[in-house]
Amino acid sequence: MDDDLLLLALVLGVLYVLSQGGSAAIGPMLPIPGRQLPIGPAPAPPTADGCVTMRPALTPLDDGYMLAAFTASFRGLFGRDPSMQPGSGSDDGWYWIGVSNHHGAFSDNICRAGWSAYWEEKLAGNDNVPSELADQPARFQP
């Protein structure tokens, strides 16, 4: 009989928490002796990409704009038009467009999208490019 009453009390408690807009998984936060509770809102959980923060796209992400932006950077860096040949390294424009035309996590766990100074530096062959350059426009614009 005592187990039935305990179960009933638990169910009623969960229903009360839910009716107040709380979460049954968390329940009420009771202070734990010797432990200070954090003040302020909890940080946002990481997204599936591992991003804690998602920045707005720096440029339009459609193929037409991305192709124009990539081509402007390529011409500015190499003084010619790209071949667009798949697998041709820096000439493979569709590769570069494909890595920059959507939100993705950078090494600082901030999601960014769009053609930027970061991708322009990578296109130039620089491997150690700071993530912050993804917040800056490319030098060569369409």
N, C-alpha and C. Protein backbone atom coordinates (compact mmCIF):
# COMPACT_ATOMS: atom_id res chain seq x y z
N MET A 1 0.82 -1.19 0.00
CA MET A 1 0.00 0.00 0.00
C MET A 1 0.86 1.26 0.00
N ASP A 2 1.95 1.25 0.78
CA ASP A 2 2.83 2.42 0.83
C ASP A 2 3.47 2.68 -0.52
N ASP A 3 3.82 1.63 -1.27
CA ASP A 3 4.41 1.80 -2.61
C ASP A 3 3.41 2.44 -3.55
N ASP A 4 2.13 2.07 -3.46
CA ASP A 4 1.10 2.66 -4.31
C ASP A 4 0.94 4.15 -4.02
N LEU A 5 0.98 4.53 -2.75
CA LEU A 5 0.86 5.94 -2.39
C LEU A 5 2.08 6.73 -2.87
N LEU A 6 3.25 6.14 -2.75
CA LEU A 6 4.47 6.79 -3.20
C LEU A 6 4.44 7.02 -4.71
N LEU A 7 4.00 6.00 -5.44
CA LEU A 7 3.89 6.12 -6.89
C LEU A 7 2.87 7.19 -7.27
N LEU A 8 1.72 7.21 -6.57
CA LEU A 8 0.69 8.22 -6.84
C LEU A 8 1.23 9.62 -6.57
N ALA A 9 1.96 9.80 -5.48
CA ALA A 9 2.53 11.10 -5.15
C ALA A 9 3.54 11.53 -6.21
N LEU A 10 4.35 10.59 -6.69
CA LEU A 10 5.32 10.89 -7.73
C LEU A 10 4.64 11.33 -9.02
N VAL A 11 3.61 10.59 -9.43
CA VAL A 11 2.88 10.93 -10.65
C VAL A 11 2.22 12.29 -10.51
N LEU A 12 1.59 12.55 -9.36
CA LEU A 12 0.94 13.85 -9.15
C LEU A 12 1.99 14.99 -9.16
N GLY A 13 3.16 14.73 -8.59
CA GLY A 13 4.20 15.74 -8.60
C GLY A 13 4.68 16.05 -10.01
N VAL A 14 4.86 15.03 -10.81
CA VAL A 14 5.28 15.22 -12.21
C VAL A 14 4.20 15.98 -12.97
N LEU A 15 2.95 15.62 -12.77
CA LEU A 15 1.86 16.32 -13.46
C LEU A 15 1.81 17.79 -13.04
N TYR A 16 2.05 18.06 -11.77
CA TYR A 16 2.05 19.44 -11.30
C TYR A 16 3.19 20.24 -11.97
N VAL A 17 4.39 19.66 -12.00
CA VAL A 17 5.53 20.34 -12.62
C VAL A 17 5.23 20.63 -14.09
N LEU A 18 4.67 19.64 -14.79
CA LEU A 18 4.35 19.83 -16.20
C LEU A 18 3.27 20.89 -16.38
N SER A 19 2.29 20.93 -15.50
CA SER A 19 1.21 21.92 -15.63
C SER A 19 1.72 23.34 -15.39
N GLN A 20 2.85 23.48 -14.71
CA GLN A 20 3.44 24.80 -14.43
C GLN A 20 4.45 25.21 -15.50
N GLY A 21 4.56 24.39 -16.57
CA GLY A 21 5.49 24.72 -17.65
C GLY A 21 6.89 24.20 -17.41
N GLY A 22 7.07 23.37 -16.41
CA GLY A 22 8.39 22.83 -16.12
C GLY A 22 8.66 21.56 -16.90
N SER A 23 9.78 20.99 -16.64
CA SER A 23 10.17 19.76 -17.30
C SER A 23 10.22 18.64 -16.28
N ALA A 24 9.54 17.55 -16.59
CA ALA A 24 9.53 16.43 -15.67
C ALA A 24 10.91 15.79 -15.56
N ALA A 25 11.72 15.95 -16.60
CA ALA A 25 13.05 15.36 -16.59
C ALA A 25 13.98 16.10 -15.62
N ILE A 26 13.76 17.40 -15.46
CA ILE A 26 14.61 18.19 -14.58
C ILE A 26 14.02 18.26 -13.18
N GLY A 27 12.71 18.52 -13.09
CA GLY A 27 12.06 18.65 -11.79
C GLY A 27 12.48 19.93 -11.12
N PRO A 28 12.05 20.13 -9.88
CA PRO A 28 12.41 21.36 -9.19
C PRO A 28 13.89 21.35 -8.84
N MET A 29 14.51 22.53 -8.89
CA MET A 29 15.92 22.64 -8.54
C MET A 29 16.02 22.92 -7.05
N LEU A 30 16.53 21.98 -6.31
CA LEU A 30 16.73 22.15 -4.88
C LEU A 30 18.19 22.44 -4.63
N PRO A 31 18.47 23.36 -3.72
CA PRO A 31 19.87 23.65 -3.43
C PRO A 31 20.55 22.44 -2.80
N ILE A 32 21.79 22.23 -3.19
CA ILE A 32 22.59 21.15 -2.62
C ILE A 32 23.59 21.79 -1.67
N PRO A 33 23.61 21.36 -0.40
CA PRO A 33 24.54 21.98 0.55
C PRO A 33 25.98 21.95 0.02
N GLY A 34 26.65 23.10 0.12
CA GLY A 34 28.04 23.19 -0.30
C GLY A 34 28.23 23.41 -1.79
N ARG A 35 27.15 23.51 -2.54
CA ARG A 35 27.26 23.70 -4.00
C ARG A 35 26.50 24.95 -4.39
N GLN A 36 27.16 25.84 -5.11
CA GLN A 36 26.52 27.06 -5.55
C GLN A 36 25.89 26.83 -6.91
N LEU A 37 24.64 27.23 -7.04
CA LEU A 37 23.95 27.08 -8.32
C LEU A 37 24.41 28.16 -9.28
N PRO A 38 24.50 27.85 -10.59
CA PRO A 38 24.91 28.87 -11.56
C PRO A 38 23.85 29.97 -11.65
N ILE A 39 24.33 31.17 -11.92
CA ILE A 39 23.44 32.31 -12.05
C ILE A 39 23.36 32.66 -13.52
N GLY A 40 22.15 32.96 -13.99
CA GLY A 40 21.95 33.35 -15.37
C GLY A 40 21.50 32.17 -16.22
N PRO A 41 21.19 32.45 -17.47
CA PRO A 41 20.70 31.38 -18.34
C PRO A 41 21.79 30.37 -18.67
N ALA A 42 21.37 29.15 -18.88
CA ALA A 42 22.30 28.10 -19.27
C ALA A 42 22.79 28.37 -20.68
N PRO A 43 24.03 28.01 -20.99
CA PRO A 43 24.51 28.19 -22.37
C PRO A 43 23.71 27.30 -23.32
N ALA A 44 23.60 27.76 -24.55
CA ALA A 44 22.87 26.98 -25.55
C ALA A 44 23.60 25.67 -25.81
N PRO A 45 22.84 24.58 -25.94
CA PRO A 45 23.50 23.31 -26.24
C PRO A 45 24.06 23.33 -27.66
N PRO A 46 25.14 22.63 -27.90
CA PRO A 46 25.69 22.59 -29.26
C PRO A 46 24.69 21.97 -30.24
N THR A 47 24.72 22.43 -31.48
CA THR A 47 23.88 21.86 -32.51
C THR A 47 24.51 20.56 -33.01
N ALA A 48 23.87 19.93 -33.95
CA ALA A 48 24.39 18.68 -34.50
C ALA A 48 25.77 18.88 -35.12
N ASP A 49 26.05 20.09 -35.60
CA ASP A 49 27.36 20.38 -36.19
C ASP A 49 28.41 20.73 -35.15
N GLY A 50 28.03 20.75 -33.88
CA GLY A 50 28.94 21.12 -32.83
C GLY A 50 29.01 22.62 -32.60
N CYS A 51 28.07 23.36 -33.15
CA CYS A 51 28.07 24.81 -33.04
C CYS A 51 27.36 25.27 -31.77
N VAL A 52 28.00 26.15 -31.05
CA VAL A 52 27.35 26.79 -29.92
C VAL A 52 26.68 28.08 -30.40
N THR A 53 27.28 28.74 -31.37
CA THR A 53 26.76 29.98 -31.93
C THR A 53 26.63 29.82 -33.44
N MET A 54 25.53 30.32 -33.99
CA MET A 54 25.35 30.30 -35.44
C MET A 54 25.24 31.73 -35.94
N ARG A 55 26.20 32.15 -36.74
CA ARG A 55 26.20 33.50 -37.31
C ARG A 55 25.33 33.52 -38.57
N PRO A 56 24.78 34.68 -38.90
CA PRO A 56 24.06 34.80 -40.18
C PRO A 56 25.03 34.60 -41.34
N ALA A 57 24.53 34.13 -42.45
CA ALA A 57 25.37 33.93 -43.63
C ALA A 57 26.00 35.27 -44.03
N LEU A 58 27.29 35.26 -44.34
CA LEU A 58 28.02 36.47 -44.70
C LEU A 58 27.62 36.95 -46.10
N THR A 59 27.29 36.01 -46.99
CA THR A 59 26.92 36.34 -48.36
C THR A 59 25.67 35.53 -48.73
N PRO A 60 25.04 35.86 -49.85
CA PRO A 60 23.99 34.96 -50.34
C PRO A 60 24.59 33.57 -50.61
N LEU A 61 23.79 32.54 -50.43
CA LEU A 61 24.29 31.16 -50.56
C LEU A 61 23.87 30.46 -51.84
N ASP A 62 23.14 31.16 -52.71
CA ASP A 62 22.69 30.53 -53.95
C ASP A 62 23.87 30.30 -54.89
N ASP A 63 23.72 29.31 -55.77
CA ASP A 63 24.81 28.93 -56.67
C ASP A 63 25.31 30.09 -57.53
N GLY A 64 24.40 30.91 -58.02
CA GLY A 64 24.80 32.02 -58.89
C GLY A 64 25.72 32.99 -58.18
N TYR A 65 25.35 33.39 -56.97
CA TYR A 65 26.20 34.33 -56.23
C TYR A 65 27.51 33.66 -55.83
N MET A 66 27.43 32.43 -55.33
CA MET A 66 28.63 31.74 -54.89
C MET A 66 29.62 31.55 -56.04
N LEU A 67 29.11 31.23 -57.23
CA LEU A 67 29.98 31.08 -58.39
C LEU A 67 30.66 32.40 -58.72
N ALA A 68 29.90 33.51 -58.68
CA ALA A 68 30.47 34.83 -58.97
C ALA A 68 31.52 35.20 -57.92
N ALA A 69 31.24 34.91 -56.64
CA ALA A 69 32.19 35.25 -55.56
C ALA A 69 33.46 34.41 -55.67
N PHE A 70 33.31 33.11 -55.90
CA PHE A 70 34.49 32.24 -56.06
C PHE A 70 35.32 32.71 -57.25
N THR A 71 34.66 32.99 -58.38
CA THR A 71 35.37 33.39 -59.60
C THR A 71 36.12 34.71 -59.39
N ALA A 72 35.49 35.66 -58.67
CA ALA A 72 36.17 36.93 -58.39
C ALA A 72 37.43 36.70 -57.56
N SER A 73 37.33 35.85 -56.56
CA SER A 73 38.51 35.55 -55.74
C SER A 73 39.57 34.83 -56.55
N PHE A 74 39.15 33.87 -57.35
CA PHE A 74 40.10 33.11 -58.16
C PHE A 74 40.84 34.03 -59.13
N ARG A 75 40.09 34.88 -59.81
CA ARG A 75 40.73 35.81 -60.75
C ARG A 75 41.68 36.76 -60.03
N GLY A 76 41.25 37.26 -58.86
CA GLY A 76 42.09 38.17 -58.09
C GLY A 76 43.37 37.51 -57.61
N LEU A 77 43.30 36.24 -57.26
CA LEU A 77 44.47 35.53 -56.75
C LEU A 77 45.38 35.01 -57.85
N PHE A 78 44.79 34.48 -58.93
CA PHE A 78 45.58 33.77 -59.93
C PHE A 78 45.62 34.46 -61.30
N GLY A 79 44.84 35.52 -61.49
CA GLY A 79 44.88 36.28 -62.75
C GLY A 79 44.30 35.55 -63.95
N ARG A 80 43.43 34.57 -63.73
CA ARG A 80 42.80 33.84 -64.84
C ARG A 80 41.48 33.25 -64.35
N ASP A 81 40.71 32.71 -65.28
CA ASP A 81 39.46 32.05 -64.92
C ASP A 81 39.74 30.62 -64.44
N PRO A 82 38.95 30.13 -63.49
CA PRO A 82 39.13 28.74 -63.05
C PRO A 82 38.62 27.76 -64.11
N SER A 83 39.21 26.58 -64.14
CA SER A 83 38.76 25.56 -65.11
C SER A 83 37.47 24.90 -64.66
N MET A 84 37.18 24.93 -63.37
CA MET A 84 36.00 24.29 -62.78
C MET A 84 36.06 22.77 -62.92
N GLN A 85 37.20 22.22 -63.24
CA GLN A 85 37.38 20.79 -63.40
C GLN A 85 37.32 20.10 -62.03
N PRO A 86 36.41 19.12 -61.84
CA PRO A 86 36.35 18.42 -60.56
C PRO A 86 37.68 17.76 -60.22
N GLY A 87 38.08 17.90 -58.96
CA GLY A 87 39.32 17.30 -58.49
C GLY A 87 40.58 18.05 -58.85
N SER A 88 40.44 19.27 -59.38
CA SER A 88 41.61 20.00 -59.84
C SER A 88 42.15 21.00 -58.81
N GLY A 89 41.90 20.75 -57.54
CA GLY A 89 42.42 21.62 -56.49
C GLY A 89 41.76 22.98 -56.50
N SER A 90 42.56 24.03 -56.55
CA SER A 90 41.99 25.37 -56.49
C SER A 90 41.08 25.68 -57.67
N ASP A 91 41.28 25.05 -58.80
CA ASP A 91 40.41 25.27 -59.97
C ASP A 91 39.02 24.64 -59.82
N ASP A 92 38.85 23.73 -58.89
CA ASP A 92 37.58 23.02 -58.70
C ASP A 92 36.59 23.91 -57.95
N GLY A 93 36.00 24.83 -58.69
CA GLY A 93 35.10 25.80 -58.09
C GLY A 93 33.91 25.20 -57.36
N TRP A 94 33.37 24.11 -57.89
CA TRP A 94 32.20 23.50 -57.25
C TRP A 94 32.57 22.88 -55.90
N TYR A 95 33.80 22.45 -55.73
CA TYR A 95 34.25 22.01 -54.42
C TYR A 95 34.20 23.18 -53.43
N TRP A 96 34.82 24.30 -53.83
CA TRP A 96 34.89 25.46 -52.94
C TRP A 96 33.51 26.02 -52.64
N ILE A 97 32.65 26.01 -53.63
CA ILE A 97 31.27 26.47 -53.40
C ILE A 97 30.57 25.51 -52.43
N GLY A 98 30.79 24.22 -52.61
CA GLY A 98 30.15 23.22 -51.76
C GLY A 98 30.56 23.28 -50.30
N VAL A 99 31.78 23.72 -50.01
CA VAL A 99 32.21 23.79 -48.61
C VAL A 99 31.82 25.11 -47.95
N SER A 100 31.44 26.10 -48.75
CA SER A 100 31.17 27.42 -48.17
C SER A 100 29.71 27.87 -48.28
N ASN A 101 28.86 27.10 -48.97
CA ASN A 101 27.50 27.57 -49.22
C ASN A 101 26.47 27.09 -48.20
N HIS A 102 26.94 26.68 -47.03
CA HIS A 102 26.04 26.24 -45.96
C HIS A 102 26.72 26.49 -44.62
N HIS A 103 25.92 26.50 -43.55
CA HIS A 103 26.49 26.69 -42.22
C HIS A 103 27.28 25.46 -41.82
N GLY A 104 28.43 25.70 -41.25
CA GLY A 104 29.28 24.62 -40.75
C GLY A 104 30.14 25.13 -39.61
N ALA A 105 30.54 24.20 -38.75
CA ALA A 105 31.33 24.56 -37.57
C ALA A 105 32.78 24.80 -37.96
N PHE A 106 33.33 25.89 -37.46
CA PHE A 106 34.75 26.20 -37.61
C PHE A 106 35.46 25.75 -36.34
N SER A 107 36.76 25.91 -36.28
CA SER A 107 37.53 25.40 -35.15
C SER A 107 37.14 26.04 -33.82
N ASP A 108 36.49 27.19 -33.85
CA ASP A 108 36.04 27.85 -32.62
C ASP A 108 34.60 27.49 -32.27
N ASN A 109 34.04 26.47 -32.94
CA ASN A 109 32.67 25.99 -32.72
C ASN A 109 31.60 27.02 -33.05
N ILE A 110 31.93 27.98 -33.86
CA ILE A 110 30.93 28.94 -34.36
C ILE A 110 30.60 28.54 -35.78
N CYS A 111 29.30 28.44 -36.07
CA CYS A 111 28.86 28.08 -37.42
C CYS A 111 28.80 29.34 -38.27
N ARG A 112 29.39 29.24 -39.44
CA ARG A 112 29.39 30.35 -40.39
C ARG A 112 29.07 29.81 -41.77
N ALA A 113 28.62 30.71 -42.66
CA ALA A 113 28.32 30.32 -44.04
C ALA A 113 28.61 31.50 -44.96
N GLY A 114 28.90 31.18 -46.21
CA GLY A 114 29.11 32.21 -47.22
C GLY A 114 30.57 32.34 -47.61
N TRP A 115 30.77 32.98 -48.76
CA TRP A 115 32.13 33.19 -49.27
C TRP A 115 32.76 34.30 -48.44
N SER A 116 33.96 34.07 -47.94
CA SER A 116 34.58 35.02 -47.01
C SER A 116 36.10 35.05 -47.23
N ALA A 117 36.75 35.91 -46.45
CA ALA A 117 38.21 35.99 -46.48
C ALA A 117 38.83 34.66 -46.06
N TYR A 118 38.15 33.91 -45.20
CA TYR A 118 38.65 32.60 -44.78
C TYR A 118 38.81 31.68 -45.98
N TRP A 119 37.75 31.55 -46.79
CA TRP A 119 37.80 30.65 -47.95
C TRP A 119 38.75 31.17 -49.00
N GLU A 120 38.85 32.48 -49.13
CA GLU A 120 39.79 33.06 -50.10
C GLU A 120 41.24 32.71 -49.71
N GLU A 121 41.55 32.75 -48.42
CA GLU A 121 42.88 32.38 -47.96
C GLU A 121 43.15 30.89 -48.17
N LYS A 122 42.15 30.06 -47.91
CA LYS A 122 42.29 28.62 -48.16
C LYS A 122 42.52 28.37 -49.65
N LEU A 123 41.76 29.07 -50.49
CA LEU A 123 41.90 28.95 -51.94
C LEU A 123 43.32 29.32 -52.38
N ALA A 124 43.91 30.30 -51.72
CA ALA A 124 45.27 30.75 -52.04
C ALA A 124 46.32 29.73 -51.61
N GLY A 125 45.92 28.71 -50.86
CA GLY A 125 46.84 27.66 -50.45
C GLY A 125 47.31 27.75 -49.01
N ASN A 126 46.76 28.68 -48.25
CA ASN A 126 47.14 28.83 -46.84
C ASN A 126 46.34 27.82 -46.00
N ASP A 127 47.05 26.97 -45.26
CA ASP A 127 46.39 25.96 -44.44
C ASP A 127 45.99 26.47 -43.06
N ASN A 128 46.79 27.33 -42.47
CA ASN A 128 46.52 27.82 -41.11
C ASN A 128 45.81 29.16 -41.17
N VAL A 129 44.51 29.10 -41.40
CA VAL A 129 43.71 30.32 -41.53
C VAL A 129 42.86 30.47 -40.27
N PRO A 130 42.93 31.62 -39.59
CA PRO A 130 42.12 31.80 -38.39
C PRO A 130 40.63 31.80 -38.70
N SER A 131 39.85 31.16 -37.85
CA SER A 131 38.40 31.08 -38.04
C SER A 131 37.74 32.45 -38.15
N GLU A 132 38.31 33.44 -37.46
CA GLU A 132 37.71 34.77 -37.45
C GLU A 132 37.64 35.39 -38.84
N LEU A 133 38.49 34.93 -39.76
CA LEU A 133 38.43 35.47 -41.13
C LEU A 133 37.13 35.10 -41.83
N ALA A 134 36.43 34.10 -41.32
CA ALA A 134 35.14 33.73 -41.92
C ALA A 134 34.08 34.78 -41.64
N ASP A 135 34.37 35.73 -40.74
CA ASP A 135 33.45 36.84 -40.47
C ASP A 135 33.77 38.06 -41.32
N GLN A 136 34.82 37.97 -42.14
CA GLN A 136 35.26 39.11 -42.95
C GLN A 136 34.97 38.84 -44.42
N PRO A 137 34.57 39.86 -45.16
CA PRO A 137 34.34 39.66 -46.59
C PRO A 137 35.64 39.33 -47.33
N ALA A 138 35.52 38.62 -48.41
CA ALA A 138 36.67 38.33 -49.26
C ALA A 138 37.23 39.64 -49.83
N ARG A 139 38.52 39.65 -50.12
CA ARG A 139 39.14 40.86 -50.71
C ARG A 139 38.60 41.14 -52.11
N PHE A 140 38.44 40.09 -52.89
CA PHE A 140 38.01 40.23 -54.29
C PHE A 140 36.51 39.94 -54.36
N GLN A 141 35.76 40.94 -54.79
CA GLN A 141 34.30 40.85 -54.80
C GLN A 141 33.76 40.72 -56.22
N PRO A 142 32.61 40.04 -56.37
CA PRO A 142 32.00 39.93 -57.71
C PRO A 142 31.54 41.28 -58.22
